[in-house]
C-alpha atoms as a PDB file:
ATOM      1  CA  MET A   1      47.709 114.932  97.569  1.00  0.00           C
ATOM      2  CA  VAL A   2      50.568 114.541 100.040  1.00  0.00           C
ATOM      3  CA  THR A   3      50.739 117.265 102.668  1.00  0.00           C
ATOM      4  CA  ALA A   4      53.048 117.943 105.598  1.00  0.00           C
ATOM      5  CA  THR A   5      52.957 120.149 108.644  1.00  0.00           C
ATOM      6  CA  ARG A   6      55.678 122.708 109.098  1.00  0.00           C
ATOM      7  CA  GLU A   7      57.161 120.498 111.807  1.00  0.00           C
ATOM      8  CA  HIS A   8      57.267 117.522 109.460  1.00  0.00           C
ATOM      9  CA  GLN A   9      58.833 119.582 106.694  1.00  0.00           C
ATOM     10  CA  GLU A  10      61.587 120.621 109.098  1.00  0.00           C
ATOM     11  CA  LEU A  11      61.910 116.977 110.071  1.00  0.00           C
ATOM     12  CA  LEU A  12      62.482 116.117 106.413  1.00  0.00           C
ATOM     13  CA  LEU A  13      65.354 118.611 106.368  1.00  0.00           C
ATOM     14  CA  GLU A  14      66.861 116.957 109.436  1.00  0.00           C
ATOM     15  CA  ILE A  15      66.588 113.549 107.775  1.00  0.00           C
ATOM     16  CA  GLN A  16      68.166 114.937 104.607  1.00  0.00           C
ATOM     17  CA  ASP A  17      71.069 116.308 106.650  1.00  0.00           C
ATOM     18  CA  LEU A  18      71.505 112.885 108.244  1.00  0.00           C
ATOM     19  CA  ILE A  19      71.484 111.206 104.826  1.00  0.00           C
ATOM     20  CA  SER A  20      74.092 113.643 103.524  1.00  0.00           C
ATOM     21  CA  SER A  21      76.246 113.180 106.619  1.00  0.00           C
ATOM     22  CA  VAL A  22      76.083 109.389 106.379  1.00  0.00           C
ATOM     23  CA  ALA A  23      77.027 109.507 102.699  1.00  0.00           C
ATOM     24  CA  GLN A  24      80.003 111.737 103.506  1.00  0.00           C
ATOM     25  CA  TRP A  25      81.107 109.532 106.388  1.00  0.00           C
ATOM     26  CA  ARG A  26      80.851 106.420 104.208  1.00  0.00           C
ATOM     27  CA  ARG A  27      83.096 108.076 101.625  1.00  0.00           C
ATOM     28  CA  GLU A  28      85.575 108.986 104.359  1.00  0.00           C
ATOM     29  CA  HIS A  29      85.406 105.430 105.710  1.00  0.00           C
ATOM     30  CA  ASP A  30      86.284 104.018 102.289  1.00  0.00           C
ATOM     31  CA  ALA A  31      88.969 106.623 101.611  1.00  0.00           C
ATOM     32  CA  VAL A  32      90.810 106.585 104.935  1.00  0.00           C
ATOM     33  CA  ALA A  33      92.840 103.469 104.048  1.00  0.00           C
ATOM     34  CA  THR A  34      94.225 105.234 100.974  1.00  0.00           C
ATOM     35  CA  ALA A  35      94.933 108.564 102.692  1.00  0.00           C
ATOM     36  CA  GLU A  36      98.338 110.068 101.867  1.00  0.00           C
ATOM     37  CA  ARG A  37      99.717 109.428 105.349  1.00  0.00           C
ATOM     38  CA  VAL A  38      98.672 105.775 105.243  1.00  0.00           C
ATOM     39  CA  ARG A  39      99.932 105.166 101.709  1.00  0.00           C
ATOM     40  CA  GLN A  40     103.243 106.888 102.458  1.00  0.00           C
ATOM     41  CA  ALA A  41     103.742 104.972 105.706  1.00  0.00           C
ATOM     42  CA  ARG A  42     103.110 101.665 103.952  1.00  0.00           C
ATOM     43  CA  ALA A  43     105.440 102.571 101.075  1.00  0.00           C
ATOM     44  CA  ASP A  44     108.169 103.743 103.475  1.00  0.00           C
ATOM     45  CA  ALA A  45     107.963 100.499 105.457  1.00  0.00           C
ATOM     46  CA  ILE A  46     108.202  98.392 102.303  1.00  0.00           C
ATOM     47  CA  GLN A  47     111.168 100.398 101.026  1.00  0.00           C
ATOM     48  CA  ALA A  48     112.920 100.353 104.413  1.00  0.00           C
ATOM     49  CA  ARG A  49     112.524  96.588 104.666  1.00  0.00           C
ATOM     50  CA  ALA A  50     113.904  96.097 101.157  1.00  0.00           C
ATOM     51  CA  GLU A  51     116.897  98.328 101.923  1.00  0.00           C
ATOM     52  CA  ARG A  52     117.541  96.567 105.247  1.00  0.00           C
ATOM     53  CA  ASP A  53     117.370  93.163 103.556  1.00  0.00           C
ATOM     54  CA  ASP A  54     119.777  94.339 100.859  1.00  0.00           C
ATOM     55  CA  GLU A  55     122.247  95.548 103.497  1.00  0.00           C
ATOM     56  CA  LEU A  56     121.988  92.203 105.308  1.00  0.00           C
ATOM     57  CA  ARG A  57     122.605  90.299 102.080  1.00  0.00           C
ATOM     58  CA  GLN A  58     125.711  92.361 101.397  1.00  0.00           C
ATOM     59  CA  LEU A  59     126.863  91.848 104.986  1.00  0.00           C
ATOM     60  CA  GLU A  60     126.398  88.092 104.642  1.00  0.00           C
ATOM     61  CA  VAL A  61     128.524  88.097 101.473  1.00  0.00           C
ATOM     62  CA  LEU A  62     131.284  89.914 103.370  1.00  0.00           C
ATOM     63  CA  ASN A  63     130.958  87.510 106.311  1.00  0.00           C
ATOM     64  CA  ARG A  64     131.504  84.597 103.956  1.00  0.00           C
ATOM     65  CA  SER A  65     134.436  86.384 102.336  1.00  0.00           C
ATOM     66  CA  VAL A  66     136.082  86.964 105.723  1.00  0.00           C
ATOM     67  CA  ALA A  67     135.503  83.341 106.714  1.00  0.00           C
ATOM     68  CA  ASP A  68     136.931  82.095 103.409  1.00  0.00           C
ATOM     69  CA  LEU A  69     139.997  84.320 103.784  1.00  0.00           C
ATOM     70  CA  GLU A  70     140.559  83.204 107.372  1.00  0.00           C
ATOM     71  CA  ASN A  71     140.315  79.554 106.321  1.00  0.00           C
ATOM     72  CA  ALA A  72     142.685  80.109 103.404  1.00  0.00           C
ATOM     73  CA  ILE A  73     145.208  81.888 105.657  1.00  0.00           C
ATOM     74  CA  ALA A  74     144.959  79.097 108.230  1.00  0.00           C
ATOM     75  CA  GLU A  75     145.584  76.475 105.557  1.00  0.00           C
ATOM     76  CA  LEU A  76     148.569  78.430 104.251  1.00  0.00           C
ATOM     77  CA  ALA A  77     149.937  78.770 107.785  1.00  0.00           C
ATOM     78  CA  THR A  78     149.727  75.009 108.246  1.00  0.00           C
ATOM     79  CA  ASP A  79     151.408  74.404 104.901  1.00  0.00           C
ATOM     80  CA  ILE A  80     154.143  76.909 105.748  1.00  0.00           C
ATOM     81  CA  ASP A  81     154.741  75.297 109.150  1.00  0.00           C
ATOM     82  CA  VAL A  82     155.118  71.879 107.546  1.00  0.00           C
ATOM     83  CA  LYS A  83     157.565  73.086 104.946  1.00  0.00           C
ATOM     84  CA  GLU A  84     159.559  75.098 107.505  1.00  0.00           C
ATOM     85  CA  GLU A  85     159.909  71.963 109.618  1.00  0.00           C
ATOM     86  CA  GLN A  86     161.080  70.063 106.555  1.00  0.00           C
ATOM     87  CA  LEU A  87     163.776  72.671 105.903  1.00  0.00           C
ATOM     88  CA  LEU A  88     164.878  72.667 109.524  1.00  0.00           C
ATOM     89  CA  ALA A  89     165.126  68.890 109.450  1.00  0.00           C
ATOM     90  CA  GLY A  90     167.377  69.089 106.434  1.00  0.00           C
ATOM     91  CA  VAL A  91     166.540  68.338 102.827  1.00  0.00           C
ATOM     92  CA  GLU A  92     168.703  66.620 100.282  1.00  0.00           C
ATOM     93  CA  PRO A  93     169.705  67.201  97.577  1.00  0.00           C
ATOM     94  CA  ARG A  94     170.403  70.935  97.660  1.00  0.00           C
ATOM     95  CA  SER A  95     168.166  71.567  94.664  1.00  0.00           C
ATOM     96  CA  GLU A  96     165.219  70.157  96.598  1.00  0.00           C
ATOM     97  CA  ALA A  97     166.022  72.431  99.527  1.00  0.00           C
ATOM     98  CA  ASP A  98     166.169  75.433  97.199  1.00  0.00           C
ATOM     99  CA  ARG A  99     162.846  74.459  95.630  1.00  0.00           C
ATOM    100  CA  LEU A 100     161.263  74.135  99.052  1.00  0.00           C
ATOM    101  CA  ALA A 101     162.667  77.519 100.101  1.00  0.00           C
ATOM    102  CA  ARG A 102     161.246  79.174  96.986  1.00  0.00           C
ATOM    103  CA  MET A 103     157.892  77.549  97.638  1.00  0.00           C
ATOM    104  CA  LEU A 104     157.965  78.884 101.188  1.00  0.00           C
ATOM    105  CA  ASP A 105     158.606  82.396  99.886  1.00  0.00           C
ATOM    106  CA  ILE A 106     155.631  82.059  97.540  1.00  0.00           C
ATOM    107  CA  LEU A 107     153.391  80.759 100.315  1.00  0.00           C
ATOM    108  CA  ARG A 108     154.458  83.532 102.697  1.00  0.00           C
ATOM    109  CA  GLU A 109     153.854  86.159 100.013  1.00  0.00           C
ATOM    110  CA  ARG A 110     150.443  84.682  99.269  1.00  0.00           C
ATOM    111  CA  ARG A 111     149.627  84.648 102.997  1.00  0.00           C
ATOM    112  CA  SER A 112     150.725  88.271 103.299  1.00  0.00           C
ATOM    113  CA  THR A 113     148.496  89.230 100.365  1.00  0.00           C
ATOM    114  CA  LEU A 114     145.543  87.344 101.845  1.00  0.00           C
ATOM    115  CA  GLU A 115     146.106  88.960 105.246  1.00  0.00           C
ATOM    116  CA  GLU A 116     146.032  92.422 103.658  1.00  0.00           C
ATOM    117  CA  THR A 117     142.871  91.468 101.787  1.00  0.00           C
ATOM    118  CA  LEU A 118     141.405  90.147 105.040  1.00  0.00           C
ATOM    119  CA  VAL A 119     142.098  93.446 106.806  1.00  0.00           C
ATOM    120  CA  ASP A 120     140.438  95.414 103.996  1.00  0.00           C
ATOM    121  CA  THR A 121     137.487  93.028 103.818  1.00  0.00           C
ATOM    122  CA  ALA A 122     137.044  93.062 107.595  1.00  0.00           C
ATOM    123  CA  GLU A 123     136.999  96.869 107.560  1.00  0.00           C
ATOM    124  CA  GLU A 124     134.463  96.829 104.739  1.00  0.00           C
ATOM    125  CA  ARG A 125     132.395  94.336 106.731  1.00  0.00           C
ATOM    126  CA  GLU A 126     132.358  96.622 109.767  1.00  0.00           C
ATOM    127  CA  GLU A 127     131.233  99.521 107.611  1.00  0.00           C
ATOM    128  CA  LYS A 128     128.530  97.331 106.104  1.00  0.00           C
ATOM    129  CA  ARG A 129     127.517  96.154 109.588  1.00  0.00           C
ATOM    130  CA  ALA A 130     127.069  99.800 110.589  1.00  0.00           C
ATOM    131  CA  ASP A 131     125.023 100.384 107.428  1.00  0.00           C
ATOM    132  CA  ALA A 132     122.862  97.358 108.235  1.00  0.00           C
ATOM    133  CA  GLN A 133     122.307  98.591 111.796  1.00  0.00           C
ATOM    134  CA  ALA A 134     121.334 102.019 110.488  1.00  0.00           C
ATOM    135  CA  ALA A 135     118.959 100.392 107.996  1.00  0.00           C
ATOM    136  CA  GLU A 136     117.478  98.356 110.853  1.00  0.00           C
ATOM    137  CA  ARG A 137     116.803 101.542 112.824  1.00  0.00           C
ATOM    138  CA  VAL A 138     115.171 103.145 109.787  1.00  0.00           C
ATOM    139  CA  LEU A 139     113.045 100.031 109.334  1.00  0.00           C
ATOM    140  CA  SER A 140     112.006 100.038 112.994  1.00  0.00           C
ATOM    141  CA  SER A 141     110.938 103.658 112.689  1.00  0.00           C
ATOM    142  CA  ALA A 142     109.071 102.979 109.433  1.00  0.00           C
ATOM    143  CA  VAL A 143     107.333  99.932 110.904  1.00  0.00           C
ATOM    144  CA  ALA A 144     106.282 101.984 113.934  1.00  0.00           C
ATOM    145  CA  GLU A 145     104.900 104.731 111.702  1.00  0.00           C
ATOM    146  CA  ASN A 146     103.097 102.179 109.542  1.00  0.00           C
ATOM    147  CA  HIS A 147     101.594 100.627 112.675  1.00  0.00           C
ATOM    148  CA  ALA A 148     100.503 104.078 113.853  1.00  0.00           C
ATOM    149  CA  ALA A 149      98.929 104.688 110.440  1.00  0.00           C
ATOM    150  CA  GLN A 150      97.040 101.392 110.646  1.00  0.00           C
ATOM    151  CA  VAL A 151      95.841 102.286 114.140  1.00  0.00           C
ATOM    152  CA  TYR A 152      94.717 105.629 112.720  1.00  0.00           C
ATOM    153  CA  VAL A 153      92.764 103.805 109.997  1.00  0.00           C
ATOM    154  CA  ARG A 154      91.193 101.444 112.533  1.00  0.00           C
ATOM    155  CA  ASP A 155      90.259 104.176 115.005  1.00  0.00           C
ATOM    156  CA  THR A 156      89.021 106.565 112.331  1.00  0.00           C
ATOM    157  CA  ARG A 157      86.876 103.892 110.737  1.00  0.00           C
ATOM    158  CA  ALA A 158      85.504 102.822 114.111  1.00  0.00           C
ATOM    159  CA  SER A 159      84.603 106.429 114.900  1.00  0.00           C
ATOM    160  CA  LEU A 160      82.941 106.871 111.509  1.00  0.00           C
ATOM    161  CA  VAL A 161      80.985 103.625 111.872  1.00  0.00           C
ATOM    162  CA  GLU A 162      79.776 104.798 115.276  1.00  0.00           C
ATOM    163  CA  ARG A 163      78.662 108.140 113.830  1.00  0.00           C
ATOM    164  CA  ILE A 164      76.987 106.392 110.893  1.00  0.00           C
ATOM    165  CA  ASN A 165      75.104 104.031 113.204  1.00  0.00           C
ATOM    166  CA  GLU A 166      73.990 106.920 115.415  1.00  0.00           C
ATOM    167  CA  ALA A 167      72.816 108.900 112.386  1.00  0.00           C
ATOM    168  CA  GLU A 168      70.961 105.889 110.968  1.00  0.00           C
ATOM    169  CA  ALA A 169      69.219 105.412 114.308  1.00  0.00           C
ATOM    170  CA  GLN A 170      68.272 109.106 114.391  1.00  0.00           C
ATOM    171  CA  ARG A 171      66.993 108.835 110.827  1.00  0.00           C
ATOM    172  CA  GLN A 172      64.809 105.853 111.704  1.00  0.00           C
ATOM    173  CA  GLU A 173      63.478 107.648 114.762  1.00  0.00           C
ATOM    174  CA  ALA A 174      62.675 110.772 112.748  1.00  0.00           C
ATOM    175  CA  SER A 175      61.182 108.784 109.857  1.00  0.00           C
ATOM    176  CA  ALA A 176      58.807 107.040 112.250  1.00  0.00           C
ATOM    177  CA  LYS A 177      57.217 110.432 113.013  1.00  0.00           C
ATOM    178  CA  LEU A 178      56.280 111.029 109.362  1.00  0.00           C
ATOM    179  CA  ALA A 179      53.126 109.931 107.590  1.00  0.00           C
ATOM    180  CA  PRO A 180      53.832 106.861 105.414  1.00  0.00           C
ATOM    181  CA  GLU A 181      52.871 108.607 102.174  1.00  0.00           C
ATOM    182  CA  LEU A 182      55.139 111.588 102.961  1.00  0.00           C
ATOM    183  CA  LEU A 183      58.052 109.305 103.824  1.00  0.00           C
ATOM    184  CA  GLU A 184      57.464 107.271 100.666  1.00  0.00           C
ATOM    185  CA  LEU A 185      57.512 110.417  98.513  1.00  0.00           C
ATOM    186  CA  PHE A 186      60.643 111.714 100.201  1.00  0.00           C
ATOM    187  CA  GLU A 187      62.526 108.424  99.828  1.00  0.00           C
ATOM    188  CA  LYS A 188      61.464 108.215  96.175  1.00  0.00           C
ATOM    189  CA  LEU A 189      62.929 111.675  95.548  1.00  0.00           C
ATOM    190  CA  VAL A 190      66.128 110.746  97.387  1.00  0.00           C
ATOM    191  CA  ALA A 191      66.469 107.622  95.247  1.00  0.00           C
ATOM    192  CA  GLU A 192      65.972 109.634  92.058  1.00  0.00           C
ATOM    193  CA  HIS A 193      67.958 112.771  92.842  1.00  0.00           C
ATOM    194  CA  GLY A 194      70.132 111.970  95.848  1.00  0.00           C
ATOM    195  CA  VAL A 195      68.267 114.792  97.596  1.00  0.00           C
ATOM    196  CA  GLY A 196      64.642 114.711  98.652  1.00  0.00           C
ATOM    197  CA  VAL A 197      64.189 118.117 100.246  1.00  0.00           C
ATOM    198  CA  ALA A 198      65.851 121.527 100.244  1.00  0.00           C
ATOM    199  CA  ARG A 199      65.191 124.990 101.593  1.00  0.00           C
ATOM    200  CA  LEU A 200      63.855 127.891  99.599  1.00  0.00           C
ATOM    201  CA  ASP A 201      66.234 130.548 100.868  1.00  0.00           C
ATOM    202  CA  ASN A 202      66.148 134.074  99.448  1.00  0.00           C
ATOM    203  CA  ASP A 203      64.060 132.781  96.532  1.00  0.00           C
ATOM    204  CA  THR A 204      66.793 130.230  95.753  1.00  0.00           C
ATOM    205  CA  CYS A 205      66.681 126.430  95.926  1.00  0.00           C
ATOM    206  CA  THR A 206      69.543 125.367  98.198  1.00  0.00           C
ATOM    207  CA  ALA A 207      69.774 122.014  96.397  1.00  0.00           C
ATOM    208  CA  THR A 208      70.678 123.601  93.064  1.00  0.00           C
ATOM    209  CA  GLY A 209      71.793 127.087  94.067  1.00  0.00           C
ATOM    210  CA  LEU A 210      69.512 128.425  91.325  1.00  0.00           C
ATOM    211  CA  PRO A 211      66.985 131.219  91.922  1.00  0.00           C
ATOM    212  CA  LEU A 212      63.353 130.673  91.049  1.00  0.00           C
ATOM    213  CA  ASN A 213      61.705 133.015  88.571  1.00  0.00           C
ATOM    214  CA  PRO A 214      58.850 135.326  89.666  1.00  0.00           C
ATOM    215  CA  GLN A 215      56.145 133.078  88.203  1.00  0.00           C
ATOM    216  CA  GLU A 216      57.470 130.042  90.048  1.00  0.00           C
ATOM    217  CA  LEU A 217      57.703 132.009  93.275  1.00  0.00           C
ATOM    218  CA  GLU A 218      54.158 133.328  92.876  1.00  0.00           C
ATOM    219  CA  HIS A 219      52.865 129.772  92.469  1.00  0.00           C
ATOM    220  CA  ILE A 220      54.656 128.627  95.616  1.00  0.00           C
ATOM    221  CA  ARG A 221      53.434 131.596  97.675  1.00  0.00           C
ATOM    222  CA  ALA A 222      49.878 130.719  96.718  1.00  0.00           C
ATOM    223  CA  LEU A 223      50.165 127.281  98.302  1.00  0.00           C
ATOM    224  CA  GLY A 224      48.750 126.543 101.722  1.00  0.00           C
ATOM    225  CA  GLU A 225      51.146 126.143 104.639  1.00  0.00           C
ATOM    226  CA  GLU A 226      50.890 122.344 104.624  1.00  0.00           C
ATOM    227  CA  GLU A 227      50.868 121.982 100.845  1.00  0.00           C
ATOM    228  CA  LEU A 228      54.204 120.826  99.492  1.00  0.00           C
ATOM    229  CA  ALA A 229      56.227 123.043  97.184  1.00  0.00           C
ATOM    230  CA  PHE A 230      58.635 121.506  94.691  1.00  0.00           C
ATOM    231  CA  CYS A 231      61.763 122.787  93.003  1.00  0.00           C
ATOM    232  CA  PRO A 232      60.955 123.379  89.316  1.00  0.00           C
ATOM    233  CA  GLN A 233      64.446 122.249  88.254  1.00  0.00           C
ATOM    234  CA  THR A 234      64.839 119.046  90.305  1.00  0.00           C
ATOM    235  CA  GLY A 235      61.409 118.210  91.649  1.00  0.00           C
ATOM    236  CA  VAL A 236      62.615 117.974  95.258  1.00  0.00           C
ATOM    237  CA  ILE A 237      60.449 119.264  98.084  1.00  0.00           C
ATOM    238  CA  LEU A 238      61.077 122.904  98.952  1.00  0.00           C
ATOM    239  CA  VAL A 239      60.672 124.046 102.540  1.00  0.00           C
ATOM    240  CA  ARG A 240      59.665 127.687 102.525  1.00  0.00           C
ATOM    241  CA  GLU A 241      60.798 130.356 104.939  1.00  0.00           C
ATOM    242  CA  ARG A 242      58.397 131.141 107.728  1.00  0.00           C
ATOM    243  CA  GLY A 243      56.218 134.176 107.334  1.00  0.00           C
END
């Protein structure tokens, strides 16, 4: 029959607390990367980058439009200059001069239209440039927040790993003080139930929260101080109150 001194029973409770703490910290370690702050920061950075890239694409389209308009206006200006020089030099017959004059009017009108379009497009480009700059600032802020979130994940995990390692070391140190058969029984119960020991507090098993009936309590009270009591519902070791 496995027995345990009062000191060793209390030691089992300490080990159980360490096991529970380690399990909780491991869950936190796994969950920290998916915490709301981290997920939101990552999503915001992705969205901000997509919006910035979209603004830059639109700005590039407008840049090309402005360049195309400027080139077209320059070509028209050259064509107009050539034809104006031809008129000034004199053109015969008269019908050819009239045709050239009409063509000049058309070219000037087309240039005027393109210049108006260029002004509008240039204004639109400046507005889009401002939008792109604003999107860049939003992205910078989102990237900074995402970086801060990743640092939070790294630091939190490092802290949890440190606490886990310390608790595991404390558990090993405490386990070394127990008799092998007691430790084997405890670890078997932990493997089966997740809990190996609990307190009997106010006639209630703290592992289940369920009170023991009078017959069960009478049996436990009849046990010697170093005899192990067990929870009737779960089978885990019960550490009785002193006295």
